[in-house]
């Protein structure tokens, strides 16, 4: 569920996976009224590419702003 202003990354599979994960996390946080999943832990961050991390961050932000 990429929003149009992120279209330049839509071809990047890692970005899309991160975006979707971030969006899902934001929806969970909205239900719980927290920001617990706003960022990944350093261990989780080390396991992913920069495209995934950028996608996660932007997906989370878009999900919270919906």
N, C-alpha and C. Protein backbone atom coordinates (compact mmCIF):
# COMPACT_ATOMS: atom_id res chain seq x y z
N UNK A 1 0.83 -1.17 0.00
CA UNK A 1 0.00 0.00 0.00
C UNK A 1 0.88 1.25 0.00
N UNK A 2 1.65 1.43 -1.03
CA UNK A 2 2.52 2.59 -1.13
C UNK A 2 1.73 3.83 -1.53
N UNK A 3 2.00 4.90 -0.87
CA UNK A 3 1.39 6.17 -1.22
C UNK A 3 2.21 6.78 -2.35
N UNK A 4 1.57 7.50 -3.24
CA UNK A 4 2.19 7.97 -4.48
C UNK A 4 3.51 8.69 -4.30
N UNK A 5 3.69 9.49 -3.25
CA UNK A 5 4.94 10.24 -3.15
C UNK A 5 6.13 9.33 -2.83
N UNK A 6 5.88 8.05 -2.62
CA UNK A 6 6.97 7.10 -2.43
C UNK A 6 7.17 6.22 -3.68
N UNK A 7 6.55 6.60 -4.77
CA UNK A 7 6.55 5.79 -5.98
C UNK A 7 7.95 5.54 -6.55
N UNK A 8 8.88 6.44 -6.28
CA UNK A 8 10.22 6.24 -6.85
C UNK A 8 10.90 5.01 -6.27
N UNK A 9 10.45 4.53 -5.13
CA UNK A 9 11.04 3.34 -4.52
C UNK A 9 10.21 2.08 -4.75
N UNK A 10 9.09 2.18 -5.44
CA UNK A 10 8.18 1.04 -5.53
C UNK A 10 8.82 -0.17 -6.22
N UNK A 11 9.82 0.05 -7.04
CA UNK A 11 10.51 -1.05 -7.71
C UNK A 11 11.44 -1.79 -6.76
N UNK A 12 11.73 -1.19 -5.62
CA UNK A 12 12.67 -1.78 -4.68
C UNK A 12 11.92 -2.66 -3.70
N UNK A 13 12.14 -3.95 -3.79
CA UNK A 13 11.44 -4.93 -2.96
C UNK A 13 11.69 -4.74 -1.47
N UNK A 14 12.91 -4.41 -1.11
CA UNK A 14 13.24 -4.20 0.31
C UNK A 14 12.50 -2.98 0.86
N UNK A 15 12.45 -1.92 0.09
CA UNK A 15 11.72 -0.73 0.53
C UNK A 15 10.24 -1.07 0.75
N UNK A 16 9.65 -1.78 -0.19
CA UNK A 16 8.24 -2.13 -0.10
C UNK A 16 7.96 -3.01 1.11
N UNK A 17 8.83 -3.97 1.37
CA UNK A 17 8.65 -4.82 2.56
C UNK A 17 8.74 -3.99 3.84
N UNK A 18 9.71 -3.09 3.90
CA UNK A 18 9.86 -2.23 5.06
C UNK A 18 8.68 -1.29 5.23
N UNK A 19 8.22 -0.73 4.12
CA UNK A 19 7.07 0.18 4.17
C UNK A 19 5.85 -0.54 4.74
N UNK A 20 5.58 -1.71 4.22
CA UNK A 20 4.41 -2.46 4.68
C UNK A 20 4.54 -2.85 6.15
N UNK A 21 5.73 -3.24 6.57
CA UNK A 21 5.94 -3.58 7.98
C UNK A 21 5.75 -2.36 8.87
N UNK A 22 6.26 -1.22 8.45
CA UNK A 22 6.11 0.01 9.21
C UNK A 22 4.66 0.46 9.29
N UNK A 23 3.96 0.31 8.19
CA UNK A 23 2.55 0.69 8.16
C UNK A 23 1.75 -0.19 9.12
N UNK A 24 1.99 -1.49 9.08
CA UNK A 24 1.30 -2.43 9.98
C UNK A 24 1.62 -2.09 11.44
N UNK A 25 2.87 -1.79 11.72
CA UNK A 25 3.27 -1.46 13.09
C UNK A 25 2.56 -0.20 13.57
N UNK A 26 2.40 0.77 12.69
CA UNK A 26 1.73 2.01 13.08
C UNK A 26 0.26 1.77 13.39
N UNK A 27 -0.35 0.88 12.64
CA UNK A 27 -1.75 0.57 12.89
C UNK A 27 -1.92 -0.11 14.25
N UNK A 28 -1.00 -0.98 14.58
CA UNK A 28 -1.01 -1.65 15.89
C UNK A 28 -0.81 -0.62 17.01
N UNK A 29 0.14 0.28 16.81
CA UNK A 29 0.40 1.32 17.82
C UNK A 29 -0.79 2.26 17.98
N UNK A 30 -1.47 2.56 16.88
CA UNK A 30 -2.66 3.42 16.96
C UNK A 30 -3.73 2.77 17.84
N UNK A 31 -3.93 1.47 17.65
CA UNK A 31 -4.93 0.75 18.44
C UNK A 31 -4.56 0.76 19.92
N UNK A 32 -3.27 0.61 20.21
CA UNK A 32 -2.80 0.53 21.59
C UNK A 32 -2.52 1.90 22.20
N UNK A 33 -2.47 2.93 21.39
CA UNK A 33 -2.20 4.27 21.88
C UNK A 33 -0.76 4.47 22.33
N UNK A 34 0.18 3.82 21.65
CA UNK A 34 1.60 3.95 21.99
C UNK A 34 2.40 4.31 20.75
N UNK A 35 3.71 4.46 20.94
CA UNK A 35 4.64 4.59 19.80
C UNK A 35 5.76 3.58 19.97
N UNK A 36 5.43 2.45 20.54
CA UNK A 36 6.42 1.42 20.85
C UNK A 36 7.17 0.92 19.62
N UNK A 37 6.50 0.85 18.49
CA UNK A 37 7.11 0.29 17.28
C UNK A 37 7.58 1.35 16.30
N UNK A 38 7.75 2.58 16.77
CA UNK A 38 8.12 3.67 15.87
C UNK A 38 9.48 3.43 15.21
N UNK A 39 10.41 2.89 15.96
CA UNK A 39 11.73 2.57 15.39
C UNK A 39 12.07 1.12 15.71
N UNK A 40 12.92 0.58 14.89
CA UNK A 40 13.39 -0.78 15.13
C UNK A 40 14.55 -0.76 16.12
N UNK A 41 14.71 -1.84 16.85
CA UNK A 41 15.85 -1.91 17.77
C UNK A 41 17.14 -1.97 16.95
N UNK A 42 18.26 -1.72 17.58
CA UNK A 42 19.53 -1.72 16.85
C UNK A 42 19.84 -3.10 16.29
N UNK A 43 19.43 -4.16 16.99
CA UNK A 43 19.63 -5.51 16.47
C UNK A 43 18.81 -5.74 15.21
N UNK A 44 17.56 -5.29 15.22
CA UNK A 44 16.71 -5.44 14.06
C UNK A 44 17.22 -4.59 12.90
N UNK A 45 17.67 -3.38 13.20
CA UNK A 45 18.18 -2.49 12.16
C UNK A 45 19.39 -3.08 11.45
N UNK A 46 20.23 -3.74 12.20
CA UNK A 46 21.44 -4.32 11.62
C UNK A 46 21.13 -5.45 10.64
N UNK A 47 19.96 -6.02 10.75
CA UNK A 47 19.59 -7.15 9.89
C UNK A 47 19.01 -6.72 8.55
N UNK A 48 18.72 -5.43 8.38
CA UNK A 48 18.03 -4.97 7.19
C UNK A 48 18.85 -3.95 6.40
N UNK A 49 18.49 -3.81 5.12
CA UNK A 49 19.16 -2.84 4.26
C UNK A 49 18.64 -1.44 4.54
N UNK A 50 19.34 -0.46 4.03
CA UNK A 50 18.90 0.92 4.23
C UNK A 50 17.57 1.20 3.55
N UNK A 51 17.29 0.48 2.47
CA UNK A 51 16.01 0.66 1.79
C UNK A 51 14.86 0.16 2.65
N UNK A 52 15.05 -0.97 3.32
CA UNK A 52 14.04 -1.50 4.22
C UNK A 52 13.80 -0.52 5.36
N UNK A 53 14.87 0.00 5.94
CA UNK A 53 14.75 0.92 7.07
C UNK A 53 14.05 2.22 6.66
N UNK A 54 14.39 2.72 5.49
CA UNK A 54 13.72 3.93 5.00
C UNK A 54 12.24 3.66 4.76
N UNK A 55 11.94 2.52 4.18
CA UNK A 55 10.55 2.13 3.95
C UNK A 55 9.77 1.98 5.24
N UNK A 56 10.40 1.38 6.24
CA UNK A 56 9.76 1.19 7.54
C UNK A 56 9.41 2.55 8.16
N UNK A 57 10.37 3.44 8.15
CA UNK A 57 10.18 4.77 8.73
C UNK A 57 9.05 5.52 8.04
N UNK A 58 9.04 5.50 6.71
CA UNK A 58 8.03 6.23 5.96
C UNK A 58 6.67 5.55 6.04
N UNK A 59 6.65 4.23 6.07
CA UNK A 59 5.39 3.50 6.24
C UNK A 59 4.77 3.76 7.59
N UNK A 60 5.60 3.81 8.63
CA UNK A 60 5.10 4.07 9.96
C UNK A 60 4.51 5.48 10.03
N UNK A 61 5.23 6.44 9.49
CA UNK A 61 4.76 7.83 9.50
C UNK A 61 3.44 7.97 8.74
N UNK A 62 3.35 7.36 7.57
CA UNK A 62 2.12 7.45 6.79
C UNK A 62 0.95 6.78 7.51
N UNK A 63 1.22 5.67 8.15
CA UNK A 63 0.16 4.98 8.89
C UNK A 63 -0.36 5.78 10.06
N UNK A 64 0.53 6.47 10.75
CA UNK A 64 0.12 7.27 11.90
C UNK A 64 -0.64 8.53 11.45
N UNK A 65 -0.34 9.02 10.27
CA UNK A 65 -0.98 10.24 9.77
C UNK A 65 -2.29 9.97 9.03
N UNK A 66 -2.70 8.75 8.95
CA UNK A 66 -3.96 8.43 8.27
C UNK A 66 -5.11 8.64 9.17
